[in-house]
Amino acid sequence: MRTDAVLDPAAIALLRSLDEQKPGSFRDFVRMFVTEAPERVKKIEAAYKAGNASDLSQHAHYLRSACLALGAGQLAATCHDLEHLDPQSLTAGNTELNLGPLHARLREAMIALLELAEAS
């Protein structure tokens, strides 16, 4: 996978520069994201299924912030869309339409981040 298609090289370079002062920082950030992001997605899914637009927005915003810090721009954009989703579209019939991209982008970002962390 071309990580630069999924992750912003400038953000990754900035995070890697932290390793100069504290070796292992980049891996720690990746490990934290890979652990916490799936849990946040579960909260997004639960809020969506409950029709709770406020909780959905809150959890999507939190995940979006983490994505931006790690340079996962496509995933951040998907989270932004969920954060600002019209409450009227929180229906079971729209679940795949609204949450499908979140799952795909999360998988791509996690694979790219883990590949970079392994290489460092």
PDB file of N, CA and C in Angstrom:
ATOM      1  N   MET A   1       0.846  -1.183   0.000  1.00  0.00           N
ATOM      2  CA  MET A   1       0.000   0.000   0.000  1.00  0.00           C
ATOM      3  C   MET A   1       0.890   1.244   0.000  1.00  0.00           C
ATOM      4  N   ARG A   2       0.548   2.208  -0.805  1.00  0.00           N
ATOM      5  CA  ARG A   2       1.288   3.466  -0.809  1.00  0.00           C
ATOM      6  C   ARG A   2       0.784   4.298   0.360  1.00  0.00           C
ATOM      7  N   THR A   3       1.603   4.408   1.388  1.00  0.00           N
ATOM      8  CA  THR A   3       1.173   5.122   2.591  1.00  0.00           C
ATOM      9  C   THR A   3       0.955   6.599   2.334  1.00  0.00           C
ATOM     10  N   ASP A   4       1.687   7.176   1.366  1.00  0.00           N
ATOM     11  CA  ASP A   4       1.522   8.606   1.111  1.00  0.00           C
ATOM     12  C   ASP A   4       0.173   8.922   0.468  1.00  0.00           C
ATOM     13  N   ALA A   5      -0.524   7.897  -0.020  1.00  0.00           N
ATOM     14  CA  ALA A   5      -1.866   8.114  -0.556  1.00  0.00           C
ATOM     15  C   ALA A   5      -2.891   8.154   0.573  1.00  0.00           C
ATOM     16  N   VAL A   6      -2.553   7.584   1.722  1.00  0.00           N
ATOM     17  CA  VAL A   6      -3.462   7.502   2.855  1.00  0.00           C
ATOM     18  C   VAL A   6      -3.062   8.472   3.958  1.00  0.00           C
ATOM     19  N   LEU A   7      -1.761   8.691   4.106  1.00  0.00           N
ATOM     20  CA  LEU A   7      -1.234   9.531   5.180  1.00  0.00           C
ATOM     21  C   LEU A   7      -0.476  10.722   4.614  1.00  0.00           C
ATOM     22  N   ASP A   8      -0.584  11.840   5.277  1.00  0.00           N
ATOM     23  CA  ASP A   8       0.116  13.053   4.869  1.00  0.00           C
ATOM     24  C   ASP A   8       1.595  12.927   5.243  1.00  0.00           C
ATOM     25  N   PRO A   9       2.481  12.919   4.253  1.00  0.00           N
ATOM     26  CA  PRO A   9       3.908  12.767   4.543  1.00  0.00           C
ATOM     27  C   PRO A   9       4.463  13.836   5.487  1.00  0.00           C
ATOM     28  N   ALA A  10       3.944  15.053   5.410  1.00  0.00           N
ATOM     29  CA  ALA A  10       4.434  16.120   6.293  1.00  0.00           C
ATOM     30  C   ALA A  10       4.074  15.828   7.747  1.00  0.00           C
ATOM     31  N   ALA A  11       2.867  15.349   7.985  1.00  0.00           N
ATOM     32  CA  ALA A  11       2.457  15.012   9.350  1.00  0.00           C
ATOM     33  C   ALA A  11       3.286  13.850   9.887  1.00  0.00           C
ATOM     34  N   ILE A  12       3.535  12.870   9.037  1.00  0.00           N
ATOM     35  CA  ILE A  12       4.347  11.717   9.455  1.00  0.00           C
ATOM     36  C   ILE A  12       5.771  12.167   9.758  1.00  0.00           C
ATOM     37  N   ALA A  13       6.327  13.043   8.945  1.00  0.00           N
ATOM     38  CA  ALA A  13       7.681  13.545   9.185  1.00  0.00           C
ATOM     39  C   ALA A  13       7.753  14.284  10.525  1.00  0.00           C
ATOM     40  N   LEU A  14       6.732  15.061  10.817  1.00  0.00           N
ATOM     41  CA  LEU A  14       6.694  15.781  12.094  1.00  0.00           C
ATOM     42  C   LEU A  14       6.648  14.798  13.260  1.00  0.00           C
ATOM     43  N   LEU A  15       5.813  13.787  13.154  1.00  0.00           N
ATOM     44  CA  LEU A  15       5.726  12.792  14.225  1.00  0.00           C
ATOM     45  C   LEU A  15       7.028  12.004  14.366  1.00  0.00           C
ATOM     46  N   ARG A  16       7.633  11.690  13.248  1.00  0.00           N
ATOM     47  CA  ARG A  16       8.907  10.966  13.299  1.00  0.00           C
ATOM     48  C   ARG A  16      10.005  11.819  13.938  1.00  0.00           C
ATOM     49  N   SER A  17       9.908  13.127  13.777  1.00  0.00           N
ATOM     50  CA  SER A  17      10.918  14.004  14.376  1.00  0.00           C
ATOM     51  C   SER A  17      10.873  13.951  15.906  1.00  0.00           C
ATOM     52  N   LEU A  18       9.738  13.568  16.456  1.00  0.00           N
ATOM     53  CA  LEU A  18       9.638  13.420  17.908  1.00  0.00           C
ATOM     54  C   LEU A  18      10.525  12.295  18.420  1.00  0.00           C
ATOM     55  N   ASP A  19      10.804  11.322  17.549  1.00  0.00           N
ATOM     56  CA  ASP A  19      11.680  10.211  17.925  1.00  0.00           C
ATOM     57  C   ASP A  19      13.098  10.688  18.238  1.00  0.00           C
ATOM     58  N   GLU A  20      13.479  11.820  17.672  1.00  0.00           N
ATOM     59  CA  GLU A  20      14.824  12.343  17.933  1.00  0.00           C
ATOM     60  C   GLU A  20      14.987  12.707  19.406  1.00  0.00           C
ATOM     61  N   GLN A  21      13.934  13.251  20.004  1.00  0.00           N
ATOM     62  CA  GLN A  21      14.009  13.638  21.417  1.00  0.00           C
ATOM     63  C   GLN A  21      13.626  12.483  22.343  1.00  0.00           C
ATOM     64  N   LYS A  22      12.669  11.695  21.892  1.00  0.00           N
ATOM     65  CA  LYS A  22      12.218  10.557  22.699  1.00  0.00           C
ATOM     66  C   LYS A  22      12.009   9.360  21.770  1.00  0.00           C
ATOM     67  N   PRO A  23      13.036   8.518  21.636  1.00  0.00           N
ATOM     68  CA  PRO A  23      12.922   7.354  20.752  1.00  0.00           C
ATOM     69  C   PRO A  23      11.699   6.500  21.091  1.00  0.00           C
ATOM     70  N   GLY A  24      11.013   6.069  20.046  1.00  0.00           N
ATOM     71  CA  GLY A  24       9.835   5.239  20.224  1.00  0.00           C
ATOM     72  C   GLY A  24       8.533   6.022  20.280  1.00  0.00           C
ATOM     73  N   SER A  25       8.617   7.345  20.222  1.00  0.00           N
ATOM     74  CA  SER A  25       7.407   8.174  20.295  1.00  0.00           C
ATOM     75  C   SER A  25       6.454   7.890  19.143  1.00  0.00           C
ATOM     76  N   PHE A  26       7.006   7.767  17.945  1.00  0.00           N
ATOM     77  CA  PHE A  26       6.148   7.514  16.786  1.00  0.00           C
ATOM     78  C   PHE A  26       5.382   6.208  16.959  1.00  0.00           C
ATOM     79  N   ARG A  27       6.084   5.162  17.340  1.00  0.00           N
ATOM     80  CA  ARG A  27       5.419   3.868  17.555  1.00  0.00           C
ATOM     81  C   ARG A  27       4.358   3.970  18.649  1.00  0.00           C
ATOM     82  N   ASP A  28       4.666   4.738  19.690  1.00  0.00           N
ATOM     83  CA  ASP A  28       3.695   4.912  20.780  1.00  0.00           C
ATOM     84  C   ASP A  28       2.422   5.581  20.274  1.00  0.00           C
ATOM     85  N   PHE A  29       2.573   6.615  19.453  1.00  0.00           N
ATOM     86  CA  PHE A  29       1.403   7.296  18.880  1.00  0.00           C
ATOM     87  C   PHE A  29       0.591   6.339  18.011  1.00  0.00           C
ATOM     88  N   VAL A  30       1.273   5.568  17.196  1.00  0.00           N
ATOM     89  CA  VAL A  30       0.587   4.617  16.332  1.00  0.00           C
ATOM     90  C   VAL A  30      -0.139   3.570  17.178  1.00  0.00           C
ATOM     91  N   ARG A  31       0.540   3.045  18.163  1.00  0.00           N
ATOM     92  CA  ARG A  31      -0.061   2.027  19.034  1.00  0.00           C
ATOM     93  C   ARG A  31      -1.311   2.577  19.733  1.00  0.00           C
ATOM     94  N   MET A  32      -1.226   3.809  20.205  1.00  0.00           N
ATOM     95  CA  MET A  32      -2.366   4.425  20.873  1.00  0.00           C
ATOM     96  C   MET A  32      -3.546   4.576  19.899  1.00  0.00           C
ATOM     97  N   PHE A  33      -3.255   5.037  18.693  1.00  0.00           N
ATOM     98  CA  PHE A  33      -4.309   5.217  17.700  1.00  0.00           C
ATOM     99  C   PHE A  33      -4.947   3.879  17.327  1.00  0.00           C
ATOM    100  N   VAL A  34      -4.115   2.882  17.075  1.00  0.00           N
ATOM    101  CA  VAL A  34      -4.619   1.570  16.655  1.00  0.00           C
ATOM    102  C   VAL A  34      -5.463   0.928  17.759  1.00  0.00           C
ATOM    103  N   THR A  35      -5.178   1.250  18.992  1.00  0.00           N
ATOM    104  CA  THR A  35      -5.958   0.732  20.111  1.00  0.00           C
ATOM    105  C   THR A  35      -7.259   1.508  20.298  1.00  0.00           C
ATOM    106  N   GLU A  36      -7.161   2.834  20.253  1.00  0.00           N
ATOM    107  CA  GLU A  36      -8.312   3.672  20.582  1.00  0.00           C
ATOM    108  C   GLU A  36      -9.289   3.892  19.423  1.00  0.00           C
ATOM    109  N   ALA A  37      -8.810   3.947  18.211  1.00  0.00           N
ATOM    110  CA  ALA A  37      -9.687   4.251  17.067  1.00  0.00           C
ATOM    111  C   ALA A  37     -10.824   3.234  16.905  1.00  0.00           C
ATOM    112  N   PRO A  38     -10.553   1.929  16.977  1.00  0.00           N
ATOM    113  CA  PRO A  38     -11.668   0.983  16.845  1.00  0.00           C
ATOM    114  C   PRO A  38     -12.716   1.141  17.960  1.00  0.00           C
ATOM    115  N   GLU A  39     -12.268   1.487  19.153  1.00  0.00           N
ATOM    116  CA  GLU A  39     -13.208   1.725  20.255  1.00  0.00           C
ATOM    117  C   GLU A  39     -14.067   2.951  19.968  1.00  0.00           C
ATOM    118  N   ARG A  40     -13.454   3.970  19.398  1.00  0.00           N
ATOM    119  CA  ARG A  40     -14.204   5.183  19.055  1.00  0.00           C
ATOM    120  C   ARG A  40     -15.203   4.879  17.947  1.00  0.00           C
ATOM    121  N   VAL A  41     -14.820   4.048  17.001  1.00  0.00           N
ATOM    122  CA  VAL A  41     -15.735   3.661  15.920  1.00  0.00           C
ATOM    123  C   VAL A  41     -16.940   2.914  16.492  1.00  0.00           C
ATOM    124  N   LYS A  42     -16.713   2.063  17.475  1.00  0.00           N
ATOM    125  CA  LYS A  42     -17.842   1.373  18.120  1.00  0.00           C
ATOM    126  C   LYS A  42     -18.803   2.375  18.752  1.00  0.00           C
ATOM    127  N   LYS A  43     -18.267   3.423  19.341  1.00  0.00           N
ATOM    128  CA  LYS A  43     -19.116   4.458  19.947  1.00  0.00           C
ATOM    129  C   LYS A  43     -19.870   5.230  18.865  1.00  0.00           C
ATOM    130  N   ILE A  44     -19.224   5.468  17.750  1.00  0.00           N
ATOM    131  CA  ILE A  44     -19.884   6.130  16.621  1.00  0.00           C
ATOM    132  C   ILE A  44     -21.028   5.251  16.119  1.00  0.00           C
ATOM    133  N   GLU A  45     -20.757   3.973  15.961  1.00  0.00           N
ATOM    134  CA  GLU A  45     -21.790   3.042  15.497  1.00  0.00           C
ATOM    135  C   GLU A  45     -22.969   2.984  16.462  1.00  0.00           C
ATOM    136  N   ALA A  46     -22.681   2.934  17.756  1.00  0.00           N
ATOM    137  CA  ALA A  46     -23.748   2.870  18.762  1.00  0.00           C
ATOM    138  C   ALA A  46     -24.591   4.133  18.734  1.00  0.00           C
ATOM    139  N   ALA A  47     -23.948   5.282  18.611  1.00  0.00           N
ATOM    140  CA  ALA A  47     -24.686   6.551  18.546  1.00  0.00           C
ATOM    141  C   ALA A  47     -25.537   6.597  17.279  1.00  0.00           C
ATOM    142  N   TYR A  48     -24.978   6.111  16.177  1.00  0.00           N
ATOM    143  CA  TYR A  48     -25.714   6.085  14.920  1.00  0.00           C
ATOM    144  C   TYR A  48     -26.957   5.210  15.051  1.00  0.00           C
ATOM    145  N   LYS A  49     -26.767   4.008  15.570  1.00  0.00           N
ATOM    146  CA  LYS A  49     -27.882   3.061  15.710  1.00  0.00           C
ATOM    147  C   LYS A  49     -28.950   3.583  16.655  1.00  0.00           C
ATOM    148  N   ALA A  50     -28.528   4.346  17.677  1.00  0.00           N
ATOM    149  CA  ALA A  50     -29.476   4.916  18.635  1.00  0.00           C
ATOM    150  C   ALA A  50     -30.135   6.189  18.101  1.00  0.00           C
ATOM    151  N   GLY A  51     -29.638   6.681  16.965  1.00  0.00           N
ATOM    152  CA  GLY A  51     -30.172   7.917  16.395  1.00  0.00           C
ATOM    153  C   GLY A  51     -29.768   9.140  17.185  1.00  0.00           C
ATOM    154  N   ASN A  52     -28.660   9.030  17.917  1.00  0.00           N
ATOM    155  CA  ASN A  52     -28.187  10.116  18.772  1.00  0.00           C
ATOM    156  C   ASN A  52     -27.150  10.959  18.015  1.00  0.00           C
ATOM    157  N   ALA A  53     -27.639  11.986  17.343  1.00  0.00           N
ATOM    158  CA  ALA A  53     -26.776  12.826  16.508  1.00  0.00           C
ATOM    159  C   ALA A  53     -25.721  13.559  17.332  1.00  0.00           C
ATOM    160  N   SER A  54     -26.056  13.942  18.543  1.00  0.00           N
ATOM    161  CA  SER A  54     -25.117  14.664  19.394  1.00  0.00           C
ATOM    162  C   SER A  54     -23.918  13.791  19.767  1.00  0.00           C
ATOM    163  N   ASP A  55     -24.187  12.568  20.229  1.00  0.00           N
ATOM    164  CA  ASP A  55     -23.093  11.655  20.567  1.00  0.00           C
ATOM    165  C   ASP A  55     -22.296  11.270  19.327  1.00  0.00           C
ATOM    166  N   LEU A  56     -22.984  11.057  18.225  1.00  0.00           N
ATOM    167  CA  LEU A  56     -22.308  10.739  16.965  1.00  0.00           C
ATOM    168  C   LEU A  56     -21.331  11.853  16.608  1.00  0.00           C
ATOM    169  N   SER A  57     -21.783  13.070  16.677  1.00  0.00           N
ATOM    170  CA  SER A  57     -20.942  14.216  16.360  1.00  0.00           C
ATOM    171  C   SER A  57     -19.735  14.294  17.295  1.00  0.00           C
ATOM    172  N   GLN A  58     -19.979  14.086  18.567  1.00  0.00           N
ATOM    173  CA  GLN A  58     -18.899  14.164  19.562  1.00  0.00           C
ATOM    174  C   GLN A  58     -17.825  13.104  19.309  1.00  0.00           C
ATOM    175  N   HIS A  59     -18.243  11.873  19.094  1.00  0.00           N
ATOM    176  CA  HIS A  59     -17.271  10.795  18.881  1.00  0.00           C
ATOM    177  C   HIS A  59     -16.562  10.942  17.538  1.00  0.00           C
ATOM    178  N   ALA A  60     -17.276  11.376  16.518  1.00  0.00           N
ATOM    179  CA  ALA A  60     -16.654  11.590  15.208  1.00  0.00           C
ATOM    180  C   ALA A  60     -15.636  12.728  15.285  1.00  0.00           C
ATOM    181  N   HIS A  61     -15.948  13.758  16.042  1.00  0.00           N
ATOM    182  CA  HIS A  61     -15.023  14.887  16.212  1.00  0.00           C
ATOM    183  C   HIS A  61     -13.736  14.423  16.907  1.00  0.00           C
ATOM    184  N   TYR A  62     -13.893  13.642  17.945  1.00  0.00           N
ATOM    185  CA  TYR A  62     -12.732  13.136  18.683  1.00  0.00           C
ATOM    186  C   TYR A  62     -11.828  12.309  17.759  1.00  0.00           C
ATOM    187  N   LEU A  63     -12.437  11.398  17.002  1.00  0.00           N
ATOM    188  CA  LEU A  63     -11.655  10.573  16.093  1.00  0.00           C
ATOM    189  C   LEU A  63     -11.026  11.419  14.993  1.00  0.00           C
ATOM    190  N   ARG A  64     -11.750  12.404  14.503  1.00  0.00           N
ATOM    191  CA  ARG A  64     -11.214  13.283  13.452  1.00  0.00           C
ATOM    192  C   ARG A  64      -9.956  13.997  13.940  1.00  0.00           C
ATOM    193  N   SER A  65      -9.985  14.463  15.174  1.00  0.00           N
ATOM    194  CA  SER A  65      -8.813  15.157  15.737  1.00  0.00           C
ATOM    195  C   SER A  65      -7.597  14.237  15.775  1.00  0.00           C
ATOM    196  N   ALA A  66      -7.803  12.999  16.202  1.00  0.00           N
ATOM    197  CA  ALA A  66      -6.700  12.035  16.241  1.00  0.00           C
ATOM    198  C   ALA A  66      -6.178  11.750  14.834  1.00  0.00           C
ATOM    199  N   CYS A  67      -7.093  11.644  13.873  1.00  0.00           N
ATOM    200  CA  CYS A  67      -6.703  11.389  12.480  1.00  0.00           C
ATOM    201  C   CYS A  67      -5.864  12.530  11.922  1.00  0.00           C
ATOM    202  N   LEU A  68      -6.269  13.745  12.225  1.00  0.00           N
ATOM    203  CA  LEU A  68      -5.513  14.904  11.735  1.00  0.00           C
ATOM    204  C   LEU A  68      -4.109  14.929  12.326  1.00  0.00           C
ATOM    205  N   ALA A  69      -3.994  14.577  13.594  1.00  0.00           N
ATOM    206  CA  ALA A  69      -2.679  14.567  14.247  1.00  0.00           C
ATOM    207  C   ALA A  69      -1.746  13.542  13.609  1.00  0.00           C
ATOM    208  N   LEU A  70      -2.316  12.454  13.097  1.00  0.00           N
ATOM    209  CA  LEU A  70      -1.514  11.409  12.480  1.00  0.00           C
ATOM    210  C   LEU A  70      -1.449  11.517  10.963  1.00  0.00           C
ATOM    211  N   GLY A  71      -2.060  12.535  10.413  1.00  0.00           N
ATOM    212  CA  GLY A  71      -1.983  12.746   8.977  1.00  0.00           C
ATOM    213  C   GLY A  71      -2.897  11.863   8.151  1.00  0.00           C
ATOM    214  N   ALA A  72      -3.906  11.280   8.784  1.00  0.00           N
ATOM    215  CA  ALA A  72      -4.854  10.428   8.064  1.00  0.00           C
ATOM    216  C   ALA A  72      -5.996  11.300   7.537  1.00  0.00           C
ATOM    217  N   GLY A  73      -5.710  12.050   6.500  1.00  0.00           N
ATOM    218  CA  GLY A  73      -6.636  13.050   5.975  1.00  0.00           C
ATOM    219  C   GLY A  73      -7.935  12.494   5.431  1.00  0.00           C
ATOM    220  N   GLN A  74      -7.877  11.379   4.712  1.00  0.00           N
ATOM    221  CA  GLN A  74      -9.101  10.800   4.158  1.00  0.00           C
ATOM    222  C   GLN A  74     -10.025  10.322   5.274  1.00  0.00           C
ATOM    223  N   LEU A  75      -9.449   9.707   6.291  1.00  0.00           N
ATOM    224  CA  LEU A  75     -10.246   9.261   7.430  1.00  0.00           C
ATOM    225  C   LEU A  75     -10.784  10.463   8.195  1.00  0.00           C
ATOM    226  N   ALA A  76      -9.995  11.507   8.335  1.00  0.00           N
ATOM    227  CA  ALA A  76     -10.455  12.725   9.006  1.00  0.00           C
ATOM    228  C   ALA A  76     -11.632  13.335   8.251  1.00  0.00           C
ATOM    229  N   ALA A  77     -11.564  13.343   6.930  1.00  0.00           N
ATOM    230  CA  ALA A  77     -12.667  13.898   6.130  1.00  0.00           C
ATOM    231  C   ALA A  77     -13.936  13.065   6.305  1.00  0.00           C
ATOM    232  N   THR A  78     -13.782  11.761   6.380  1.00  0.00           N
ATOM    233  CA  THR A  78     -14.933  10.887   6.614  1.00  0.00           C
ATOM    234  C   THR A  78     -15.547  11.171   7.980  1.00  0.00           C
ATOM    235  N   CYS A  79     -14.699  11.357   8.980  1.00  0.00           N
ATOM    236  CA  CYS A  79     -15.182  11.692  10.328  1.00  0.00           C
ATOM    237  C   CYS A  79     -15.883  13.045  10.321  1.00  0.00           C
ATOM    238  N   HIS A  80     -15.350  13.992   9.565  1.00  0.00           N
ATOM    239  CA  HIS A  80     -15.981  15.307   9.453  1.00  0.00           C
ATOM    240  C   HIS A  80     -17.396  15.166   8.889  1.00  0.00           C
ATOM    241  N   ASP A  81     -17.524  14.347   7.859  1.00  0.00           N
ATOM    242  CA  ASP A  81     -18.851  14.124   7.270  1.00  0.00           C
ATOM    243  C   ASP A  81     -19.813  13.545   8.301  1.00  0.00           C
ATOM    244  N   LEU A  82     -19.348  12.602   9.106  1.00  0.00           N
ATOM    245  CA  LEU A  82     -20.199  12.008  10.140  1.00  0.00           C
ATOM    246  C   LEU A  82     -20.518  13.017  11.243  1.00  0.00           C
ATOM    247  N   GLU A  83     -19.533  13.821  11.561  1.00  0.00           N
ATOM    248  CA  GLU A  83     -19.715  14.841  12.600  1.00  0.00           C
ATOM    249  C   GLU A  83     -20.839  15.809  12.229  1.00  0.00           C
ATOM    250  N   HIS A  84     -20.990  16.074  10.948  1.00  0.00           N
ATOM    251  CA  HIS A  84     -21.968  17.047  10.468  1.00  0.00           C
ATOM    252  C   HIS A  84     -23.127  16.387   9.717  1.00  0.00           C
ATOM    253  N   LEU A  85     -23.346  15.126   9.996  1.00  0.00           N
ATOM    254  CA  LEU A  85     -24.403  14.371   9.331  1.00  0.00           C
ATOM    255  C   LEU A  85     -25.776  14.896   9.741  1.00  0.00           C
ATOM    256  N   ASP A  86     -26.649  15.010   8.776  1.00  0.00           N
ATOM    257  CA  ASP A  86     -28.022  15.426   9.036  1.00  0.00           C
ATOM    258  C   ASP A  86     -28.691  14.371   9.913  1.00  0.00           C
ATOM    259  N   PRO A  87     -29.215  14.759  11.077  1.00  0.00           N
ATOM    260  CA  PRO A  87     -29.863  13.786  11.969  1.00  0.00           C
ATOM    261  C   PRO A  87     -30.965  12.981  11.289  1.00  0.00           C
ATOM    262  N   GLN A  88     -31.583  13.544  10.253  1.00  0.00           N
ATOM    263  CA  GLN A  88     -32.651  12.833   9.541  1.00  0.00           C
ATOM    264  C   GLN A  88     -32.130  11.628   8.771  1.00  0.00           C
ATOM    265  N   SER A  89     -30.826  11.588   8.513  1.00  0.00           N
ATOM    266  CA  SER A  89     -30.269  10.473   7.738  1.00  0.00           C
ATOM    267  C   SER A  89     -29.776   9.329   8.628  1.00  0.00           C
ATOM    268  N   LEU A  90     -29.996   9.427   9.927  1.00  0.00           N
ATOM    269  CA  LEU A  90     -29.574   8.367  10.845  1.00  0.00           C
ATOM    270  C   LEU A  90     -30.602   7.241  10.853  1.00  0.00           C
ATOM    271  N   THR A  91     -30.712   6.569   9.738  1.00  0.00           N
ATOM    272  CA  THR A  91     -31.674   5.475   9.610  1.00  0.00           C
ATOM    273  C   THR A  91     -30.944   4.188   9.266  1.00  0.00           C
ATOM    274  N   ALA A  92     -31.562   3.092   9.595  1.00  0.00           N
ATOM    275  CA  ALA A  92     -30.966   1.783   9.310  1.00  0.00           C
ATOM    276  C   ALA A  92     -30.709   1.600   7.817  1.00  0.00           C
ATOM    277  N   GLY A  93     -31.566   2.171   6.996  1.00  0.00           N
ATOM    278  CA  GLY A  93     -31.394   2.052   5.550  1.00  0.00           C
ATOM    279  C   GLY A  93     -30.164   2.770   5.022  1.00  0.00           C
ATOM    280  N   ASN A  94     -29.650   3.722   5.777  1.00  0.00           N
ATOM    281  CA  ASN A  94     -28.482   4.492   5.360  1.00  0.00           C
ATOM    282  C   ASN A  94     -27.200   4.059   6.070  1.00  0.00           C
ATOM    283  N   THR A  95     -27.269   3.016   6.864  1.00  0.00           N
ATOM    284  CA  THR A  95     -26.118   2.628   7.680  1.00  0.00           C
ATOM    285  C   THR A  95     -24.871   2.386   6.841  1.00  0.00           C
ATOM    286  N   GLU A  96     -24.963   1.554   5.825  1.00  0.00           N
ATOM    287  CA  GLU A  96     -23.789   1.246   5.005  1.00  0.00           C
ATOM    288  C   GLU A  96     -23.303   2.484   4.258  1.00  0.00           C
ATOM    289  N   LEU A  97     -24.226   3.277   3.774  1.00  0.00           N
ATOM    290  CA  LEU A  97     -23.870   4.502   3.064  1.00  0.00           C
ATOM    291  C   LEU A  97     -23.075   5.448   3.973  1.00  0.00           C
ATOM    292  N   ASN A  98     -23.519   5.578   5.217  1.00  0.00           N
ATOM    293  CA  ASN A  98     -22.891   6.527   6.130  1.00  0.00           C
ATOM    294  C   ASN A  98     -21.699   5.971   6.902  1.00  0.00           C
ATOM    295  N   LEU A  99     -21.748   4.693   7.263  1.00  0.00           N
ATOM    296  CA  LEU A  99     -20.668   4.121   8.070  1.00  0.00           C
ATOM    297  C   LEU A  99     -19.686   3.279   7.265  1.00  0.00           C
ATOM    298  N   GLY A 100     -20.062   2.830   6.082  1.00  0.00           N
ATOM    299  CA  GLY A 100     -19.160   2.035   5.245  1.00  0.00           C
ATOM    300  C   GLY A 100     -17.832   2.721   4.966  1.00  0.00           C
ATOM    301  N   PRO A 101     -17.857   3.990   4.552  1.00  0.00           N
ATOM    302  CA  PRO A 101     -16.582   4.681   4.298  1.00  0.00           C
ATOM    303  C   PRO A 101     -15.705   4.794   5.543  1.00  0.00           C
ATOM    304  N   LEU A 102     -16.325   4.925   6.714  1.00  0.00           N
ATOM    305  CA  LEU A 102     -15.563   5.002   7.963  1.00  0.00           C
ATOM    306  C   LEU A 102     -14.760   3.723   8.168  1.00  0.00           C
ATOM    307  N   HIS A 103     -15.387   2.584   7.972  1.00  0.00           N
ATOM    308  CA  HIS A 103     -14.695   1.306   8.154  1.00  0.00           C
ATOM    309  C   HIS A 103     -13.561   1.135   7.140  1.00  0.00           C
ATOM    310  N   ALA A 104     -13.824   1.470   5.900  1.00  0.00           N
ATOM    311  CA  ALA A 104     -12.805   1.320   4.852  1.00  0.00           C
ATOM    312  C   ALA A 104     -11.613   2.237   5.103  1.00  0.00           C
ATOM    313  N   ARG A 105     -11.884   3.496   5.413  1.00  0.00           N
ATOM    314  CA  ARG A 105     -10.795   4.456   5.636  1.00  0.00           C
ATOM    315  C   ARG A 105     -10.010   4.133   6.910  1.00  0.00           C
ATOM    316  N   LEU A 106     -10.701   3.664   7.944  1.00  0.00           N
ATOM    317  CA  LEU A 106     -10.007   3.291   9.176  1.00  0.00           C
ATOM    318  C   LEU A 106      -9.053   2.132   8.898  1.00  0.00           C
ATOM    319  N   ARG A 107      -9.520   1.159   8.166  1.00  0.00           N
ATOM    320  CA  ARG A 107      -8.665   0.014   7.840  1.00  0.00           C
ATOM    321  C   ARG A 107      -7.424   0.471   7.060  1.00  0.00           C
ATOM    322  N   GLU A 108      -7.623   1.302   6.057  1.00  0.00           N
ATOM    323  CA  GLU A 108      -6.496   1.804   5.257  1.00  0.00           C
ATOM    324  C   GLU A 108      -5.491   2.557   6.129  1.00  0.00           C
ATOM    325  N   ALA A 109      -5.992   3.439   6.983  1.00  0.00           N
ATOM    326  CA  ALA A 109      -5.111   4.247   7.827  1.00  0.00           C
ATOM    327  C   ALA A 109      -4.350   3.381   8.818  1.00  0.00           C
ATOM    328  N   MET A 110      -5.036   2.421   9.415  1.00  0.00           N
ATOM    329  CA  MET A 110      -4.367   1.564  10.393  1.00  0.00           C
ATOM    330  C   MET A 110      -3.279   0.717   9.735  1.00  0.00           C
ATOM    331  N   ILE A 111      -3.547   0.178   8.563  1.00  0.00           N
ATOM    332  CA  ILE A 111      -2.543  -0.611   7.853  1.00  0.00           C
ATOM    333  C   ILE A 111      -1.337   0.262   7.515  1.00  0.00           C
ATOM    334  N   ALA A 112      -1.594   1.455   6.985  1.00  0.00           N
ATOM    335  CA  ALA A 112      -0.484   2.348   6.614  1.00  0.00           C
ATOM    336  C   ALA A 112       0.339   2.741   7.831  1.00  0.00           C
ATOM    337  N   LEU A 113      -0.317   3.067   8.920  1.00  0.00           N
ATOM    338  CA  LEU A 113       0.400   3.463  10.134  1.00  0.00           C
ATOM    339  C   LEU A 113       1.221   2.301  10.699  1.00  0.00           C
ATOM    340  N   LEU A 114       0.640   1.120  10.717  1.00  0.00           N
ATOM    341  CA  LEU A 114       1.370  -0.033  11.234  1.00  0.00           C
ATOM    342  C   LEU A 114       2.574  -0.375  10.356  1.00  0.00           C
ATOM    343  N   GLU A 115       2.407  -0.231   9.049  1.00  0.00           N
ATOM    344  CA  GLU A 115       3.549  -0.462   8.148  1.00  0.00           C
ATOM    345  C   GLU A 115       4.673   0.513   8.446  1.00  0.00           C
ATOM    346  N   LEU A 116       4.337   1.776   8.655  1.00  0.00           N
ATOM    347  CA  LEU A 116       5.368   2.777   8.961  1.00  0.00           C
ATOM    348  C   LEU A 116       6.011   2.532  10.313  1.00  0.00           C
ATOM    349  N   ALA A 117       5.193   2.149  11.282  1.00  0.00           N
ATOM    350  CA  ALA A 117       5.729   1.894  12.625  1.00  0.00           C
ATOM    351  C   ALA A 117       6.684   0.698  12.621  1.00  0.00           C
ATOM    352  N   GLU A 118       6.342  -0.321  11.843  1.00  0.00           N
ATOM    353  CA  GLU A 118       7.220  -1.496  11.727  1.00  0.00           C
ATOM    354  C   GLU A 118       8.540  -1.131  11.074  1.00  0.00           C
ATOM    355  N   ALA A 119       8.478  -0.243  10.113  1.00  0.00           N
ATOM    356  CA  ALA A 119       9.671   0.147   9.364  1.00  0.00           C
ATOM    357  C   ALA A 119      10.599   1.052  10.186  1.00  0.00           C
ATOM    358  N   SER A 120      10.064   1.647  11.248  1.00  0.00           N
ATOM    359  CA  SER A 120      10.907   2.577  12.012  1.00  0.00           C
ATOM    360  C   SER A 120      11.707   1.884  13.090  1.00  0.00           C
TER     361      SER A 120
END
